[in-house]
Amino acid sequence: MSNSKILEPTSELSKALHTKVVADSSASSLVNRLRGKDKDLQTQSVNTYEQFWNGAENNNEKSRASMYKTLTNTYYNLATDFYEYGWGESFHFARRSIDESLRESIRRHEHILFGAAHIKSGMKVLDVGCGVGGPARECVRLTGAHVTGLNNNDYQIQRANIYAAKNKQEKHSTFVKGDFMHMPFEDNSFDAAYAIEATCHAPVLKDVYSEMYRVVKPGGYFAIYEWCLTDSFDESSEYHKKLARDIELGDGIGKLFSTKVALQAAKDAGFEIETAIDLAHETTVSNDVPWYDGLDVRMIDFTNIQAFARSQIGRVFTSNAVKLLEKVGIAPAGTYKVQDILATGADALVAGGKEKVFTPMYLIVGRKPLN
C-alpha cells in the first residue's frame, strides 16, 4: 500500500464525520449510523488506519507508539458503531457460567472489579478509557458512586452522554475528553480508579498506570483488566506472532505486552500490589464458558440482535449487507474493509484464547500508599 495522507482524528473531524448520525441510543441502528457518516471523511479515516498496518512509512511499532492517539482514535471512529451493534454498551469480555447470558456475565465481571477497587457510595471514581460508558453506568447503579469517565474519542463521549441522559444519570456521571497518558485532573482527585480492557492502547503501560497513581488519593485503589500476552506466548512461533499482530490490527492496539510487563509496570508506578491473576486461565471451573465464546461463531443464534450479529450466519449477513450498502452508496467506501478488519481481530482473539497465549482479563489490583 502506498503512502497517503494521515488524517488526524481531531474534535473538528469527529464532529464533521458524525454530524448527520442520528442521536439514537439504540445499539441496533447500524444502517442509520453508517448512512449518517460523512462519506469522504470515513473513507480517508479507513485509509489512515491502514497506513499503520500496510503503509510504507508508518507500518512499524515505533510509528504506532508515537502516534498512538491517531491510531486509537481513528480506530474507534471507525469501529464504535459496529461494537455497539454486535456487542452492546460495555466493550469487554467476561468469564461466563453455563447458565448465564453474555450480558449477565459482563455485569458480574464489572461487579468483581468494582469490589476489588473498594468502590462505595459517595466516592469519586475514575473510569479510564470509558468507551460509551457502559461500565460507568453499571458502577453508578451498583455502588452509588459518582463516576468520571475519561476518553480521548469525541464520538464515544457523545454516545456516553446520550446513554447517561437516557438512564437519568447526568448528575451521577461525567464524561471528560482527555489523553490517559496526560490526564486533565489534579493530583489526588479520586477515591478509586479502574480500567476495563482500555489501557492496552497505551504505548507504555507504566506511564498510564503512573497517571492513575497520580490522580488517586493516598490509600485509594487501582483495579484493571488488562489485555496481555501470557507466559504461553512463544516469541519464536510465527503463528503466535501472527495472532498477536492480528489482534493488534483488529483492535486498534499499537503493541500487546506480556502479563509480566503489566505487573512490573503497576509496581513501578508505585502501587502496592494486592492481586495479580489471569482470570481467563487461572480460575476456570468445569461449568465455565470460555471468555471468547461470544466471538466463537455458531451457525445461528437468535437470542438477541447482538447474538445474531456474532453468529456465523449473522456475520455473513452483516458482511454482505455492509458490502451492498457500500456498493449502492448508502455506506461510505471502506466500510466493508472496517468490518473485515474487525472480523480478523475477532478470529485472532478466539484463536489466542484457545491457544492460551492471550488474555483480556489480567486482573491487577493495587493500593496507593497512605504515605
Protein backbone atom coordinates (compact mmCIF):
# COMPACT_ATOMS: atom_id res chain seq x y z
CA MET A 1 0.00 0.00 0.00
CA SER A 2 1.42 3.37 -0.99
CA ASN A 3 1.57 6.21 1.49
CA SER A 4 -1.44 8.51 1.74
CA LYS A 5 -2.05 11.48 3.92
CA ILE A 6 -2.61 10.79 7.61
CA LEU A 7 -5.93 12.32 8.64
CA GLU A 8 -5.72 13.42 12.26
CA PRO A 9 -8.88 12.45 14.22
CA THR A 10 -9.42 15.87 15.79
CA SER A 11 -12.58 17.01 17.57
CA GLU A 12 -13.48 19.00 14.47
CA LEU A 13 -13.07 15.95 12.27
CA SER A 14 -15.17 13.80 14.60
CA LYS A 15 -17.95 16.38 14.55
CA ALA A 16 -17.87 16.57 10.76
CA LEU A 17 -17.66 12.78 10.40
CA HIS A 18 -20.66 12.11 12.66
CA THR A 19 -22.67 15.32 12.27
CA LYS A 20 -25.56 13.61 10.49
CA VAL A 21 -25.56 10.50 12.64
CA VAL A 22 -28.90 10.07 14.34
CA ALA A 23 -28.55 10.63 18.10
CA ASP A 24 -30.11 7.26 18.81
CA SER A 25 -29.02 5.31 21.91
CA SER A 26 -30.19 2.03 20.36
CA ALA A 27 -27.26 -0.24 19.51
CA SER A 28 -29.23 -1.76 16.62
CA SER A 29 -29.37 1.28 14.31
CA LEU A 30 -26.21 0.38 12.40
CA VAL A 31 -27.60 1.33 8.99
CA ASN A 32 -28.65 4.79 10.21
CA ARG A 33 -25.21 5.35 11.71
CA LEU A 34 -23.36 4.27 8.56
CA ARG A 35 -25.68 6.29 6.34
CA GLY A 36 -25.19 9.37 8.52
CA LYS A 37 -21.40 9.46 8.32
CA ASP A 38 -19.55 11.87 6.06
CA LYS A 39 -18.51 9.59 3.21
CA ASP A 40 -15.27 11.32 2.26
CA LEU A 41 -14.03 11.58 5.85
CA GLN A 42 -14.95 7.96 6.55
CA THR A 43 -13.00 6.78 3.52
CA GLN A 44 -10.00 8.93 4.45
CA SER A 45 -10.16 7.57 8.01
CA VAL A 46 -10.06 3.99 6.73
CA ASN A 47 -7.04 4.87 4.59
CA THR A 48 -5.36 6.48 7.61
CA TYR A 49 -5.89 3.39 9.75
CA GLU A 50 -4.49 1.12 7.06
CA GLN A 51 -1.30 3.21 6.93
CA PHE A 52 -0.34 1.84 10.35
CA TRP A 53 -0.52 -1.75 9.11
CA ASN A 54 0.20 -1.69 5.37
CA GLY A 55 1.81 1.67 4.66
CA ALA A 56 5.43 2.07 3.65
CA GLU A 57 6.21 4.70 6.30
CA ASN A 58 4.07 4.05 9.40
CA ASN A 59 3.74 0.25 9.38
CA ASN A 60 6.04 -0.25 12.38
CA GLU A 61 5.89 -0.35 16.18
CA LYS A 62 7.68 2.98 16.54
CA SER A 63 5.07 4.86 14.49
CA ARG A 64 2.18 3.08 16.17
CA ALA A 65 3.63 4.01 19.57
CA SER A 66 4.45 7.64 18.80
CA MET A 67 1.10 8.19 17.04
CA TYR A 68 -0.99 6.16 19.49
CA LYS A 69 -3.68 8.85 19.72
CA THR A 70 -4.11 8.94 15.95
CA LEU A 71 -4.16 5.14 15.74
CA THR A 72 -6.64 4.59 18.56
CA ASN A 73 -8.99 7.49 17.82
CA THR A 74 -9.15 6.63 14.14
CA TYR A 75 -9.91 3.03 15.04
CA TYR A 76 -12.78 3.95 17.35
CA ASN A 77 -14.21 6.47 14.90
CA LEU A 78 -14.50 3.51 12.54
CA ALA A 79 -15.35 0.68 14.94
CA THR A 80 -17.68 2.10 17.60
CA ASP A 81 -20.89 1.64 15.61
CA PHE A 82 -20.01 -1.99 14.91
CA TYR A 83 -19.12 -2.56 18.58
CA GLU A 84 -22.49 -1.30 19.78
CA TYR A 85 -24.31 -3.27 17.11
CA GLY A 86 -22.51 -6.54 17.78
CA TRP A 87 -21.70 -6.35 21.50
CA GLY A 88 -23.70 -3.69 23.33
CA GLU A 89 -22.74 -0.82 25.63
CA SER A 90 -19.84 -2.46 27.50
CA PHE A 91 -16.92 -3.18 25.20
CA HIS A 92 -15.27 -6.02 27.10
CA PHE A 93 -15.22 -9.75 27.69
CA ALA A 94 -16.17 -11.79 30.76
CA ARG A 95 -15.98 -15.26 32.22
CA ARG A 96 -19.39 -16.83 31.95
CA SER A 97 -21.14 -19.69 33.71
CA ILE A 98 -23.13 -22.07 31.59
CA ASP A 99 -26.48 -20.71 32.86
CA GLU A 100 -25.60 -17.04 32.34
CA SER A 101 -26.31 -14.78 29.39
CA LEU A 102 -23.43 -12.77 27.96
CA ARG A 103 -24.94 -9.55 29.31
CA GLU A 104 -25.29 -11.02 32.81
CA SER A 105 -21.69 -12.20 32.77
CA ILE A 106 -20.45 -8.79 31.63
CA ARG A 107 -22.22 -7.12 34.54
CA ARG A 108 -20.85 -9.67 37.00
CA HIS A 109 -17.36 -9.17 35.60
CA GLU A 110 -17.73 -5.43 36.20
CA HIS A 111 -19.03 -6.00 39.73
CA ILE A 112 -15.93 -8.05 40.57
CA LEU A 113 -13.71 -5.16 39.54
CA PHE A 114 -15.76 -2.55 41.40
CA GLY A 115 -15.47 -4.67 44.52
CA ALA A 116 -11.73 -5.09 44.04
CA ALA A 117 -11.40 -1.31 43.83
CA HIS A 118 -13.36 -0.95 47.09
CA ILE A 119 -15.83 1.43 45.45
CA LYS A 120 -18.59 2.65 47.77
CA SER A 121 -21.46 5.12 47.77
CA GLY A 122 -20.41 8.75 47.68
CA MET A 123 -16.94 8.11 46.30
CA LYS A 124 -15.49 9.96 43.33
CA VAL A 125 -14.30 7.28 40.91
CA LEU A 126 -12.37 7.45 37.64
CA ASP A 127 -13.09 5.11 34.72
CA VAL A 128 -10.01 5.21 32.48
CA GLY A 129 -10.86 4.60 28.83
CA CYS A 130 -14.60 4.52 29.46
CA GLY A 131 -15.86 3.69 25.96
CA VAL A 132 -19.52 4.67 25.59
CA GLY A 133 -19.92 4.46 29.37
CA GLY A 134 -21.46 1.02 29.91
CA PRO A 135 -19.30 0.06 32.92
CA ALA A 136 -19.55 3.58 34.36
CA ARG A 137 -23.34 3.39 34.33
CA GLU A 138 -23.23 -0.02 35.98
CA CYS A 139 -20.85 1.30 38.64
CA VAL A 140 -23.26 4.13 39.44
CA ARG A 141 -26.18 1.69 39.69
CA LEU A 142 -24.33 -0.84 41.83
CA THR A 143 -22.32 1.36 44.18
CA GLY A 144 -23.88 4.81 44.29
CA ALA A 145 -20.51 6.39 43.49
CA HIS A 146 -20.03 9.33 41.14
CA VAL A 147 -18.07 8.16 38.10
CA THR A 148 -15.96 10.31 35.82
CA GLY A 149 -15.29 8.62 32.50
CA LEU A 150 -12.10 9.60 30.69
CA ASN A 151 -11.96 9.05 26.95
CA ASN A 152 -9.96 10.61 24.14
CA ASN A 153 -12.56 9.82 21.48
CA ASP A 154 -15.14 12.54 20.89
CA TYR A 155 -17.70 10.26 19.29
CA GLN A 156 -17.69 7.81 22.19
CA ILE A 157 -18.09 10.69 24.66
CA GLN A 158 -21.10 11.84 22.65
CA ARG A 159 -22.56 8.35 22.83
CA ALA A 160 -21.82 8.10 26.58
CA ASN A 161 -23.68 11.34 27.25
CA ILE A 162 -26.67 10.13 25.24
CA TYR A 163 -26.81 6.94 27.29
CA ALA A 164 -26.37 8.85 30.57
CA ALA A 165 -29.34 11.06 29.72
CA LYS A 166 -31.43 8.04 28.74
CA ASN A 167 -30.63 6.42 32.11
CA LYS A 168 -31.12 9.69 34.04
CA GLN A 169 -27.55 9.54 35.33
CA GLU A 170 -26.37 13.01 34.31
CA LYS A 171 -25.90 14.04 37.96
CA HIS A 172 -24.02 10.85 38.81
CA SER A 173 -21.54 10.69 35.95
CA THR A 174 -19.32 12.99 33.91
CA PHE A 175 -17.52 12.20 30.69
CA VAL A 176 -14.28 14.05 30.00
CA LYS A 177 -12.25 14.30 26.80
CA GLY A 178 -8.61 13.62 27.56
CA ASP A 179 -5.49 11.56 26.94
CA PHE A 180 -4.96 8.94 29.65
CA MET A 181 -1.21 9.38 29.26
CA HIS A 182 -1.63 13.02 30.36
CA MET A 183 -4.81 13.15 32.43
CA PRO A 184 -6.56 16.53 32.81
CA PHE A 185 -7.04 16.12 36.58
CA GLU A 186 -5.32 17.43 39.68
CA ASP A 187 -3.27 15.13 41.90
CA ASN A 188 -5.26 13.07 44.43
CA SER A 189 -8.63 13.82 42.77
CA PHE A 190 -10.32 10.42 43.02
CA ASP A 191 -11.06 7.87 45.73
CA ALA A 192 -10.50 4.99 43.30
CA ALA A 193 -9.74 4.33 39.65
CA TYR A 194 -10.41 1.39 37.37
CA ALA A 195 -9.86 0.46 33.73
CA ILE A 196 -11.54 -2.32 31.78
CA GLU A 197 -9.64 -3.54 28.71
CA ALA A 198 -8.67 0.03 27.81
CA THR A 199 -5.10 0.73 28.88
CA CYS A 200 -3.88 -1.81 26.31
CA HIS A 201 -3.96 1.15 23.90
CA ALA A 202 -1.17 2.87 25.85
CA PRO A 203 2.26 2.84 24.21
CA VAL A 204 3.90 2.48 27.65
CA LEU A 205 1.92 0.78 30.42
CA LYS A 206 3.95 2.29 33.24
CA ASP A 207 3.06 5.80 32.07
CA VAL A 208 -0.70 5.30 32.06
CA TYR A 209 -0.58 3.43 35.39
CA SER A 210 1.52 6.28 36.81
CA GLU A 211 -1.15 8.75 35.79
CA MET A 212 -3.76 6.63 37.55
CA TYR A 213 -1.49 6.58 40.61
CA ARG A 214 -1.13 10.37 40.49
CA VAL A 215 -4.85 11.15 40.42
CA VAL A 216 -5.90 8.58 43.06
CA LYS A 217 -5.87 9.74 46.68
CA PRO A 218 -3.44 8.13 49.15
CA GLY A 219 -5.00 4.89 50.36
CA GLY A 220 -7.14 4.65 47.23
CA TYR A 221 -7.35 1.59 45.00
CA PHE A 222 -6.49 0.92 41.38
CA ALA A 223 -8.08 -2.08 39.63
CA ILE A 224 -7.73 -3.05 35.99
CA TYR A 225 -8.47 -5.77 33.50
CA GLU A 226 -5.54 -5.71 31.07
CA TRP A 227 -5.13 -7.27 27.64
CA CYS A 228 -1.87 -9.23 27.73
CA LEU A 229 0.17 -11.94 26.12
CA THR A 230 0.59 -14.84 28.54
CA ASP A 231 3.60 -16.93 29.53
CA SER A 232 2.48 -19.45 26.90
CA PHE A 233 3.20 -16.95 24.12
CA ASP A 234 6.26 -18.11 22.17
CA GLU A 235 8.23 -15.30 20.50
CA SER A 236 9.83 -17.85 18.18
CA SER A 237 6.45 -19.06 16.90
CA GLU A 238 5.37 -17.38 13.67
CA TYR A 239 1.81 -18.47 14.38
CA HIS A 240 1.78 -16.85 17.81
CA LYS A 241 3.28 -13.67 16.39
CA LYS A 242 0.63 -13.58 13.66
CA LEU A 243 -2.12 -13.98 16.25
CA ALA A 244 -0.71 -11.06 18.24
CA ARG A 245 -0.47 -8.86 15.16
CA ASP A 246 -4.00 -9.72 14.03
CA ILE A 247 -5.33 -8.85 17.50
CA GLU A 248 -3.44 -5.55 17.36
CA LEU A 249 -4.71 -4.81 13.84
CA GLY A 250 -8.29 -5.80 14.59
CA ASP A 251 -8.48 -3.89 17.87
CA GLY A 252 -6.51 -0.69 17.34
CA ILE A 253 -3.57 -1.64 19.58
CA GLY A 254 -0.04 -0.49 18.85
CA LYS A 255 1.64 -3.31 20.78
CA LEU A 256 0.49 -6.01 23.17
CA PHE A 257 2.58 -6.51 26.30
CA SER A 258 3.05 -9.56 28.50
CA THR A 259 1.50 -10.12 31.91
CA LYS A 260 4.98 -9.77 33.40
CA VAL A 261 5.42 -6.33 31.81
CA ALA A 262 1.98 -5.21 33.02
CA LEU A 263 2.59 -6.32 36.60
CA GLN A 264 6.02 -4.71 36.75
CA ALA A 265 4.57 -1.51 35.29
CA ALA A 266 1.98 -1.33 38.07
CA LYS A 267 4.70 -1.86 40.67
CA ASP A 268 6.95 0.75 39.06
CA ALA A 269 4.06 3.23 39.06
CA GLY A 270 4.08 2.99 42.86
CA PHE A 271 1.13 0.78 43.69
CA GLU A 272 1.27 -1.79 46.46
CA ILE A 273 0.02 -4.85 44.60
CA GLU A 274 -2.69 -6.90 46.31
CA THR A 275 -3.83 -9.09 43.41
CA ALA A 276 -2.37 -10.12 40.07
CA ILE A 277 -4.10 -13.02 38.36
CA ASP A 278 -5.14 -14.09 34.88
CA LEU A 279 -8.87 -14.69 35.27
CA ALA A 280 -9.10 -16.22 31.80
CA HIS A 281 -6.84 -19.18 32.51
CA GLU A 282 -6.06 -19.43 36.22
CA THR A 283 -9.54 -19.56 37.75
CA THR A 284 -11.66 -21.65 35.38
CA VAL A 285 -14.06 -24.30 36.67
CA SER A 286 -15.85 -27.13 34.91
CA ASN A 287 -19.01 -25.21 34.02
CA ASP A 288 -17.29 -22.05 32.78
CA VAL A 289 -17.98 -20.86 29.25
CA PRO A 290 -14.74 -19.57 27.66
CA TRP A 291 -14.43 -15.78 27.62
CA TYR A 292 -14.14 -15.85 23.82
CA ASP A 293 -17.38 -17.80 23.39
CA GLY A 294 -19.27 -14.71 22.23
CA LEU A 295 -16.92 -14.42 19.25
CA ASP A 296 -16.56 -18.15 18.53
CA VAL A 297 -19.06 -18.22 15.70
CA ARG A 298 -22.01 -20.61 15.78
CA MET A 299 -24.20 -21.35 12.82
CA ILE A 300 -27.01 -19.10 14.11
CA ASP A 301 -28.18 -17.53 17.37
CA PHE A 302 -31.46 -15.63 17.77
CA THR A 303 -31.07 -14.87 21.49
CA ASN A 304 -30.91 -11.13 20.70
CA ILE A 305 -29.71 -8.89 17.89
CA GLN A 306 -26.14 -8.81 19.21
CA ALA A 307 -26.04 -12.62 19.44
CA PHE A 308 -27.35 -12.91 15.87
CA ALA A 309 -24.74 -10.40 14.66
CA ARG A 310 -21.96 -12.50 16.21
CA SER A 311 -23.21 -15.85 14.84
CA GLN A 312 -21.84 -17.36 11.65
CA ILE A 313 -24.93 -16.57 9.62
CA GLY A 314 -25.19 -13.16 11.29
CA ARG A 315 -21.61 -12.30 10.38
CA VAL A 316 -22.19 -13.37 6.78
CA PHE A 317 -25.43 -11.37 6.71
CA THR A 318 -23.76 -8.27 8.16
CA SER A 319 -20.79 -8.60 5.83
CA ASN A 320 -22.98 -8.90 2.73
CA ALA A 321 -25.30 -6.15 3.92
CA VAL A 322 -22.40 -3.76 4.50
CA LYS A 323 -20.94 -4.66 1.11
CA LEU A 324 -24.31 -3.92 -0.53
CA LEU A 325 -24.78 -0.66 1.40
CA GLU A 326 -21.34 0.44 0.28
CA LYS A 327 -21.98 -0.57 -3.33
CA VAL A 328 -25.22 1.43 -3.59
CA GLY A 329 -23.68 4.44 -1.86
CA ILE A 330 -25.54 4.31 1.45
CA ALA A 331 -22.45 3.36 3.45
CA PRO A 332 -19.15 5.15 2.77
CA ALA A 333 -16.42 3.45 0.75
CA GLY A 334 -14.17 1.49 3.08
CA THR A 335 -16.93 0.41 5.46
CA TYR A 336 -16.67 -3.20 4.34
CA LYS A 337 -12.93 -3.02 4.96
CA VAL A 338 -13.63 -1.94 8.56
CA GLN A 339 -15.94 -4.91 9.04
CA ASP A 340 -13.25 -7.20 7.63
CA ILE A 341 -10.60 -5.75 9.98
CA LEU A 342 -12.89 -6.35 12.96
CA ALA A 343 -13.53 -9.94 11.83
CA THR A 344 -9.77 -10.52 11.58
CA GLY A 345 -9.36 -9.32 15.14
CA ALA A 346 -12.27 -11.42 16.39
CA ASP A 347 -10.90 -14.61 14.83
CA ALA A 348 -7.45 -13.93 16.30
CA LEU A 349 -8.91 -13.31 19.75
CA VAL A 350 -10.68 -16.67 19.66
CA ALA A 351 -7.56 -18.46 18.44
CA GLY A 352 -5.40 -16.66 21.01
CA GLY A 353 -7.80 -17.69 23.74
CA LYS A 354 -7.87 -21.31 22.65
CA GLU A 355 -4.07 -21.38 22.45
CA LYS A 356 -3.94 -19.69 25.88
CA VAL A 357 -1.39 -17.19 24.59
CA PHE A 358 -3.63 -14.16 25.15
CA THR A 359 -5.84 -12.92 27.97
CA PRO A 360 -8.23 -9.94 28.03
CA MET A 361 -8.60 -10.11 31.81
CA TYR A 362 -5.30 -9.98 33.59
CA LEU A 363 -6.56 -8.57 36.87
CA ILE A 364 -4.23 -6.24 38.75
CA VAL A 365 -5.36 -4.61 41.99
CA GLY A 366 -3.13 -2.16 43.79
CA ARG A 367 -3.32 0.44 46.53
CA LYS A 368 -1.67 3.84 46.66
CA PRO A 369 0.30 4.05 49.92
CA LEU A 370 -1.01 6.38 52.61
CA ASN A 371 2.41 8.00 52.91
